Amino acid sequence: MDIILEVVDTLFLDRVYATLFPASTSQYALQKIHDVATSTFSSIREGATPAPQYKYIYEPASRLFSLDPTEWAYKSSLPRDNIYRQGVSLFAIVWFFGLVLYFLCATLSYVFIFDKTAAQHPKYLKNQVRMEIAQANRSMPLMSLLTALCMLLEVRGYSKLYDLSSEAPFAWYNVLQFPFFVLFTDLCIYWIHRGLHHPLIYKTLHKPHHKWIVPTPFASHAFHPLDGFAQSTPYHIFPFLFPLQKFAYIALFAFINVWTIFIHDGEYYANSPIINGAACHTMHHLYFNYNYGQFTTLWDRLGGSYRKPNDELFRRETKISKAEFDRQAKEMESIVKEVEGDDDRGYLKKDQ
């Protein structure tokens, strides 16, 4: 995340901090002289240390990619390496780009992929899309804050993120880190997600996401904020336990958010016993106590919670039939009484 922070600082935030927290003339002069004298890659690699009278240097976040700081970088009393500035910046970046990714990808998925006949399902809610978006927007600030705190530790150098491929622990690690990341997070999310279904926790934290029995792509981030963050913690824990290349970290973080939208889009591409795609996740929203996994069905199979999507879901003529919708609704009604008690959702069909 330090790479993203450097880019956003250079293009935008340096100017913002210089305007809000301007440096004194003496601070500006010392910071400018110091950066010119010591900020090259060669001086950093050779172990050059700053003279004690200077305030700080800008060390590029990556040896693969960097941007030269503009004039604005020297004009703030809060340097780029100030922990409070970094924390506020990361919070703003995570929140802003989270909203952009959510609205862009979820909207594209809803317009071009999501089957609008889902609105005919007896368990589709009145004003559902509007409520999903509202829930996501209420949750994102706190989820972004907690995520930013994890990323602040990464930026401050406490993680095992590495820069160059030559810094990997062994030759094939640069490739193997991707499946390793997926398997590790899949295992952790399975148990976290299953734990969120415990009766002592479910109604407070996880029920808001299960309000959507027939979810749309906009339900992908419509969580209670602590629920959403809890299920993201494996992604943040991984680089503190295991090496992960910096650009791989950025790519995987984007992939995770897109995958979350993908499994809520209602388009059942993968009739696979291995991949936990949208069909498997639909079973989870309909029937609650099945298919807790994120990427694969492995841990559901080992944990006895796997439910194979019925074949009707993979044929359009039967997927959207009234008989299939009614069958799903009837079974869901019997399960929801066990899990939640009275069903307080406002269904569209009921109110018509």
Protein backbone atom coordinates (compact mmCIF):
# COMPACT_ATOMS: atom_id res chain seq x y z
CA MET A 1 0.00 0.00 0.00
CA ASP A 2 3.00 2.30 0.34
CA ILE A 3 3.17 2.40 -3.49
CA ILE A 4 -0.43 3.61 -3.74
CA LEU A 5 0.21 6.11 -0.97
CA GLU A 6 3.25 7.52 -2.79
CA VAL A 7 1.29 7.90 -6.04
CA VAL A 8 -1.67 9.62 -4.37
CA ASP A 9 0.65 11.87 -2.35
CA THR A 10 2.46 12.97 -5.49
CA LEU A 11 -0.64 13.52 -7.60
CA PHE A 12 -2.98 15.00 -4.99
CA LEU A 13 -2.37 14.80 -1.26
CA ASP A 14 0.92 16.73 -1.10
CA ARG A 15 -0.96 19.80 -2.29
CA VAL A 16 -3.80 19.18 0.17
CA TYR A 17 -1.50 18.85 3.20
CA ALA A 18 0.59 21.83 2.08
CA THR A 19 -2.56 23.93 1.94
CA LEU A 20 -4.03 22.75 5.23
CA PHE A 21 -0.75 22.42 7.19
CA PRO A 22 1.81 24.73 5.59
CA ALA A 23 5.46 24.44 6.60
CA SER A 24 7.43 27.36 7.97
CA THR A 25 10.11 28.89 5.75
CA SER A 26 12.90 27.15 7.68
CA GLN A 27 11.15 23.77 7.54
CA TYR A 28 10.64 24.13 3.81
CA ALA A 29 14.27 24.98 3.15
CA LEU A 30 15.66 22.10 5.21
CA GLN A 31 13.25 19.56 3.77
CA LYS A 32 13.99 20.69 0.21
CA ILE A 33 17.77 20.61 0.64
CA HIS A 34 17.66 17.24 2.39
CA ASP A 35 15.59 15.53 -0.28
CA VAL A 36 17.77 16.83 -3.10
CA ALA A 37 20.87 15.61 -1.28
CA THR A 38 19.81 12.12 -0.21
CA SER A 39 16.67 10.77 -1.88
CA THR A 40 18.24 8.84 -4.77
CA PHE A 41 18.05 5.06 -4.87
CA SER A 42 21.82 4.77 -4.95
CA SER A 43 22.34 6.72 -1.75
CA ILE A 44 19.68 4.72 0.04
CA ARG A 45 21.10 1.38 -1.15
CA GLU A 46 24.57 2.41 -0.08
CA GLY A 47 23.36 3.06 3.43
CA ALA A 48 23.59 6.83 3.35
CA THR A 49 22.20 8.36 6.54
CA PRO A 50 20.70 11.84 6.73
CA ALA A 51 22.58 14.62 8.45
CA PRO A 52 21.08 15.24 11.88
CA GLN A 53 20.01 18.82 11.13
CA TYR A 54 17.65 17.70 8.39
CA LYS A 55 14.12 16.64 9.14
CA TYR A 56 13.57 13.59 6.91
CA ILE A 57 14.00 12.12 3.44
CA TYR A 58 11.52 10.69 0.97
CA GLU A 59 12.44 7.09 0.37
CA PRO A 60 10.66 5.72 -2.72
CA ALA A 61 8.16 2.99 -1.91
CA SER A 62 9.42 0.64 -4.62
CA ARG A 63 12.57 0.14 -6.62
CA LEU A 64 10.40 -1.03 -9.51
CA PHE A 65 8.31 2.13 -9.67
CA SER A 66 8.49 5.61 -8.16
CA LEU A 67 7.46 9.22 -8.80
CA ASP A 68 9.67 12.19 -8.11
CA PRO A 69 8.10 14.40 -5.41
CA THR A 70 6.76 17.74 -6.65
CA GLU A 71 7.34 21.14 -5.06
CA TRP A 72 4.28 20.60 -2.86
CA ALA A 73 5.94 17.68 -1.08
CA TYR A 74 8.20 20.15 0.80
CA LYS A 75 5.56 22.71 1.73
CA SER A 76 3.70 20.95 4.55
CA SER A 77 4.56 20.77 8.24
CA LEU A 78 3.33 17.17 8.08
CA PRO A 79 5.94 15.21 6.08
CA ARG A 80 4.94 12.13 4.14
CA ASP A 81 6.34 9.80 6.81
CA ASN A 82 4.27 11.36 9.62
CA ILE A 83 2.25 8.54 11.15
CA TYR A 84 -0.89 10.61 11.63
CA ARG A 85 -0.79 11.89 8.08
CA GLN A 86 -0.28 8.36 6.77
CA GLY A 87 -3.20 7.08 8.82
CA VAL A 88 -5.59 9.78 7.61
CA SER A 89 -4.39 9.39 4.02
CA LEU A 90 -4.83 5.62 4.03
CA PHE A 91 -8.32 5.96 5.48
CA ALA A 92 -9.29 8.43 2.73
CA ILE A 93 -7.72 6.28 0.00
CA VAL A 94 -9.35 3.03 1.15
CA TRP A 95 -12.76 4.68 1.55
CA PHE A 96 -12.62 6.54 -1.79
CA PHE A 97 -11.30 3.67 -3.89
CA GLY A 98 -13.57 1.23 -2.07
CA LEU A 99 -16.57 3.30 -3.13
CA VAL A 100 -15.28 3.65 -6.71
CA LEU A 101 -14.64 -0.09 -7.03
CA TYR A 102 -17.96 -0.98 -5.42
CA PHE A 103 -20.12 1.33 -7.52
CA LEU A 104 -18.23 0.74 -10.76
CA CYS A 105 -18.05 -3.05 -10.62
CA ALA A 106 -21.40 -3.64 -8.92
CA THR A 107 -23.16 -1.33 -11.38
CA LEU A 108 -21.54 -2.98 -14.41
CA SER A 109 -22.43 -6.39 -13.00
CA TYR A 110 -26.02 -5.33 -12.27
CA VAL A 111 -26.53 -3.79 -15.72
CA PHE A 112 -24.80 -6.40 -17.88
CA ILE A 113 -24.77 -9.68 -15.88
CA PHE A 114 -27.41 -9.77 -13.14
CA ASP A 115 -30.65 -11.40 -14.22
CA LYS A 116 -33.41 -8.88 -13.45
CA THR A 117 -36.00 -11.67 -13.31
CA ALA A 118 -34.70 -12.22 -9.76
CA ALA A 119 -37.10 -9.43 -8.79
CA GLN A 120 -39.93 -11.94 -9.42
CA HIS A 121 -38.60 -14.19 -6.66
CA PRO A 122 -40.98 -14.25 -3.66
CA LYS A 123 -38.04 -13.47 -1.35
CA TYR A 124 -36.88 -10.37 -3.24
CA LEU A 125 -37.28 -7.29 -1.06
CA LYS A 126 -39.10 -4.08 -1.75
CA ASN A 127 -36.55 -1.35 -2.67
CA GLN A 128 -33.83 -3.97 -2.27
CA VAL A 129 -31.10 -2.37 -4.40
CA ARG A 130 -31.57 0.96 -2.64
CA MET A 131 -31.32 -0.74 0.76
CA GLU A 132 -28.24 -2.74 -0.26
CA ILE A 133 -26.47 0.44 -1.38
CA ALA A 134 -27.50 2.26 1.79
CA GLN A 135 -26.17 -0.54 4.00
CA ALA A 136 -22.87 -0.62 2.09
CA ASN A 137 -22.46 3.15 2.39
CA ARG A 138 -23.16 3.10 6.12
CA SER A 139 -20.61 0.35 6.66
CA MET A 140 -17.74 1.52 4.47
CA PRO A 141 -16.40 4.34 6.69
CA LEU A 142 -15.77 2.05 9.69
CA MET A 143 -14.57 -0.83 7.49
CA SER A 144 -12.19 1.61 5.79
CA LEU A 145 -10.90 2.92 9.11
CA LEU A 146 -10.12 -0.56 10.44
CA THR A 147 -8.57 -1.56 7.12
CA ALA A 148 -6.45 1.62 7.10
CA LEU A 149 -5.05 0.77 10.55
CA CYS A 150 -3.84 -2.59 9.21
CA MET A 151 -2.34 -0.92 6.18
CA LEU A 152 -0.65 1.67 8.35
CA LEU A 153 1.32 -1.11 10.01
CA GLU A 154 2.29 -2.38 6.56
CA VAL A 155 3.42 1.06 5.42
CA ARG A 156 5.41 1.51 8.64
CA GLY A 157 7.41 -1.61 7.81
CA TYR A 158 5.96 -4.23 10.16
CA SER A 159 4.81 -6.64 7.45
CA LYS A 160 6.73 -9.10 5.27
CA LEU A 161 5.87 -7.34 2.02
CA TYR A 162 8.82 -7.32 -0.34
CA ASP A 163 9.69 -5.29 -3.40
CA LEU A 164 11.81 -7.19 -5.92
CA SER A 165 11.17 -10.72 -7.16
CA SER A 166 14.75 -11.55 -6.17
CA GLU A 167 13.76 -10.97 -2.53
CA ALA A 168 11.31 -13.91 -2.55
CA PRO A 169 12.20 -16.71 -0.12
CA PHE A 170 12.73 -19.19 -2.98
CA ALA A 171 12.63 -19.27 -6.77
CA TRP A 172 9.00 -20.29 -7.39
CA TYR A 173 7.52 -18.27 -4.54
CA ASN A 174 6.62 -15.35 -6.82
CA VAL A 175 4.15 -17.68 -8.55
CA LEU A 176 3.15 -19.83 -5.60
CA GLN A 177 2.27 -16.84 -3.41
CA PHE A 178 -1.02 -16.47 -5.32
CA PRO A 179 -2.50 -19.95 -4.71
CA PHE A 180 -1.00 -19.91 -1.22
CA PHE A 181 -2.78 -16.63 -0.46
CA VAL A 182 -6.08 -18.00 -1.79
CA LEU A 183 -5.83 -21.24 0.21
CA PHE A 184 -4.83 -19.46 3.43
CA THR A 185 -7.57 -16.84 3.24
CA ASP A 186 -10.16 -19.43 2.16
CA LEU A 187 -9.40 -21.50 5.27
CA CYS A 188 -9.56 -18.50 7.61
CA ILE A 189 -12.68 -16.98 6.08
CA TYR A 190 -14.49 -20.30 6.30
CA TRP A 191 -14.07 -20.46 10.06
CA ILE A 192 -14.70 -16.75 10.61
CA HIS A 193 -17.83 -16.89 8.47
CA ARG A 194 -19.05 -20.03 10.19
CA GLY A 195 -18.39 -18.40 13.56
CA LEU A 196 -20.50 -15.41 12.54
CA HIS A 197 -23.43 -17.81 12.25
CA HIS A 198 -23.19 -18.71 15.93
CA PRO A 199 -26.47 -17.74 17.65
CA LEU A 200 -24.66 -15.40 20.06
CA ILE A 201 -23.22 -13.38 17.18
CA TYR A 202 -25.44 -13.90 14.16
CA LYS A 203 -28.35 -11.55 14.88
CA THR A 204 -26.10 -8.65 15.86
CA LEU A 205 -23.33 -8.85 13.28
CA HIS A 206 -24.16 -11.16 10.38
CA LYS A 207 -27.92 -10.90 9.98
CA PRO A 208 -27.69 -7.53 8.15
CA HIS A 209 -25.93 -9.31 5.27
CA HIS A 210 -28.46 -12.14 5.31
CA LYS A 211 -31.27 -9.66 4.88
CA TRP A 212 -30.68 -10.27 1.17
CA ILE A 213 -32.11 -13.73 0.49
CA VAL A 214 -31.88 -13.11 -3.27
CA PRO A 215 -28.86 -10.77 -3.41
CA THR A 216 -27.88 -8.44 -6.21
CA PRO A 217 -24.27 -7.36 -6.90
CA PHE A 218 -24.88 -4.36 -4.63
CA ALA A 219 -25.25 -6.76 -1.68
CA SER A 220 -21.56 -7.68 -2.02
CA HIS A 221 -20.44 -5.01 0.47
CA ALA A 222 -23.72 -4.59 2.34
CA PHE A 223 -22.48 -5.86 5.72
CA HIS A 224 -22.48 -4.75 9.30
CA PRO A 225 -19.08 -2.99 9.36
CA LEU A 226 -17.58 -5.31 11.98
CA ASP A 227 -18.80 -8.32 10.01
CA GLY A 228 -17.27 -7.00 6.80
CA PHE A 229 -13.95 -6.26 8.49
CA ALA A 230 -13.88 -9.59 10.34
CA GLN A 231 -14.16 -11.47 7.06
CA SER A 232 -11.38 -9.35 5.54
CA THR A 233 -8.87 -9.89 8.37
CA PRO A 234 -7.21 -12.94 6.73
CA TYR A 235 -6.21 -10.72 3.80
CA HIS A 236 -4.51 -8.30 6.20
CA ILE A 237 -2.98 -10.97 8.43
CA PHE A 238 -1.34 -12.83 5.54
CA PRO A 239 1.47 -10.31 4.78
CA PHE A 240 2.40 -10.18 8.47
CA LEU A 241 2.85 -13.95 8.58
CA PHE A 242 4.15 -14.71 5.08
CA PRO A 243 6.13 -12.85 2.40
CA LEU A 244 4.07 -11.17 -0.30
CA GLN A 245 5.29 -9.06 -3.19
CA LYS A 246 3.97 -5.48 -3.07
CA PHE A 247 2.34 -5.40 -6.48
CA ALA A 248 0.87 -8.85 -5.87
CA TYR A 249 -0.66 -7.47 -2.67
CA ILE A 250 -2.35 -4.63 -4.59
CA ALA A 251 -3.59 -7.00 -7.31
CA LEU A 252 -4.96 -9.50 -4.78
CA PHE A 253 -6.72 -6.79 -2.79
CA ALA A 254 -8.52 -5.62 -5.95
CA PHE A 255 -9.27 -9.22 -6.97
CA ILE A 256 -10.88 -9.96 -3.59
CA ASN A 257 -13.28 -7.05 -3.92
CA VAL A 258 -14.22 -8.01 -7.48
CA TRP A 259 -14.68 -11.67 -6.46
CA THR A 260 -17.02 -10.60 -3.67
CA ILE A 261 -19.19 -8.86 -6.26
CA PHE A 262 -18.90 -11.82 -8.63
CA ILE A 263 -20.35 -14.33 -6.14
CA HIS A 264 -23.38 -12.07 -5.60
CA ASP A 265 -24.22 -11.50 -9.28
CA GLY A 266 -26.66 -14.40 -9.62
CA GLU A 267 -25.08 -15.64 -12.86
CA TYR A 268 -24.11 -19.26 -12.38
CA TYR A 269 -21.15 -19.82 -14.67
CA ALA A 270 -19.28 -22.39 -12.61
CA ASN A 271 -21.05 -25.70 -12.11
CA SER A 272 -17.92 -26.86 -10.35
CA PRO A 273 -17.38 -29.09 -7.34
CA ILE A 274 -14.28 -27.04 -6.49
CA ILE A 275 -15.05 -23.35 -7.10
CA ASN A 276 -17.30 -21.57 -4.63
CA GLY A 277 -18.97 -19.42 -7.26
CA ALA A 278 -22.23 -17.50 -7.36
CA ALA A 279 -24.35 -20.67 -7.39
CA CYS A 280 -22.78 -21.96 -4.19
CA HIS A 281 -23.08 -18.58 -2.53
CA THR A 282 -26.72 -18.35 -3.57
CA MET A 283 -27.27 -21.56 -1.60
CA HIS A 284 -25.75 -19.79 1.41
CA HIS A 285 -28.08 -16.78 1.16
CA LEU A 286 -31.13 -18.97 0.62
CA TYR A 287 -30.43 -21.65 3.21
CA PHE A 288 -28.05 -19.94 5.68
CA ASN A 289 -26.05 -22.84 7.11
CA TYR A 290 -24.23 -24.04 4.00
CA ASN A 291 -21.30 -22.98 1.82
CA TYR A 292 -19.38 -20.65 4.12
CA GLY A 293 -16.27 -20.68 1.90
CA GLN A 294 -15.03 -17.75 -0.13
CA PHE A 295 -13.10 -19.20 -3.07
CA THR A 296 -13.38 -22.99 -2.91
CA THR A 297 -15.68 -25.68 -1.55
CA LEU A 298 -12.77 -27.50 0.16
CA TRP A 299 -13.43 -26.46 3.74
CA ASP A 300 -17.19 -26.79 3.42
CA ARG A 301 -16.66 -30.36 2.28
CA LEU A 302 -14.28 -31.10 5.13
CA GLY A 303 -16.52 -29.28 7.62
CA GLY A 304 -19.72 -30.99 6.51
CA SER A 305 -21.39 -27.75 5.40
CA TYR A 306 -21.22 -28.13 1.62
CA ARG A 307 -24.46 -28.02 -0.33
CA LYS A 308 -24.29 -28.69 -4.04
CA PRO A 309 -26.37 -26.25 -6.10
CA ASN A 310 -29.22 -28.08 -7.76
CA ASP A 311 -28.95 -28.61 -11.50
CA GLU A 312 -31.99 -26.41 -12.22
CA LEU A 313 -29.87 -23.33 -11.44
CA PHE A 314 -27.66 -23.94 -14.46
CA ARG A 315 -30.49 -23.97 -17.02
CA ARG A 316 -32.17 -20.64 -17.60
CA GLU A 317 -35.61 -22.08 -18.30
CA THR A 318 -35.67 -23.82 -14.91
CA LYS A 319 -33.54 -21.33 -12.96
CA ILE A 320 -36.18 -18.59 -13.20
CA SER A 321 -39.27 -20.77 -13.22
CA LYS A 322 -42.05 -20.13 -10.73
CA ALA A 323 -41.81 -23.73 -9.53
CA GLU A 324 -38.10 -23.30 -8.67
CA PHE A 325 -38.69 -19.95 -6.98
CA ASP A 326 -41.54 -21.36 -4.88
CA ARG A 327 -39.52 -24.44 -3.92
CA GLN A 328 -36.63 -22.24 -2.74
CA ALA A 329 -38.96 -19.95 -0.81
CA LYS A 330 -40.68 -22.82 0.98
CA GLU A 331 -37.43 -24.38 2.14
CA MET A 332 -36.00 -21.00 3.12
CA GLU A 333 -39.08 -20.28 5.26
CA SER A 334 -38.57 -23.45 7.29
CA ILE A 335 -34.86 -22.74 7.82
CA VAL A 336 -35.24 -19.05 8.70
CA LYS A 337 -37.52 -19.98 11.62
CA GLU A 338 -34.71 -22.07 13.09
CA VAL A 339 -32.00 -19.47 12.47
CA GLU A 340 -33.79 -16.18 13.15
CA GLY A 341 -37.26 -16.87 14.46
CA ASP A 342 -39.82 -14.49 12.96
CA ASP A 343 -38.92 -13.24 9.51
CA ASP A 344 -39.11 -9.43 9.61
CA ARG A 345 -38.10 -8.76 6.00
CA GLY A 346 -40.40 -6.70 3.77
CA TYR A 347 -40.79 -8.78 0.65
CA LEU A 348 -41.78 -7.17 -2.62
CA LYS A 349 -44.39 -9.79 -3.49
CA LYS A 350 -46.05 -9.47 -0.10
CA ASP A 351 -46.46 -5.72 -0.45
CA GLN A 352 -47.80 -5.67 -3.99
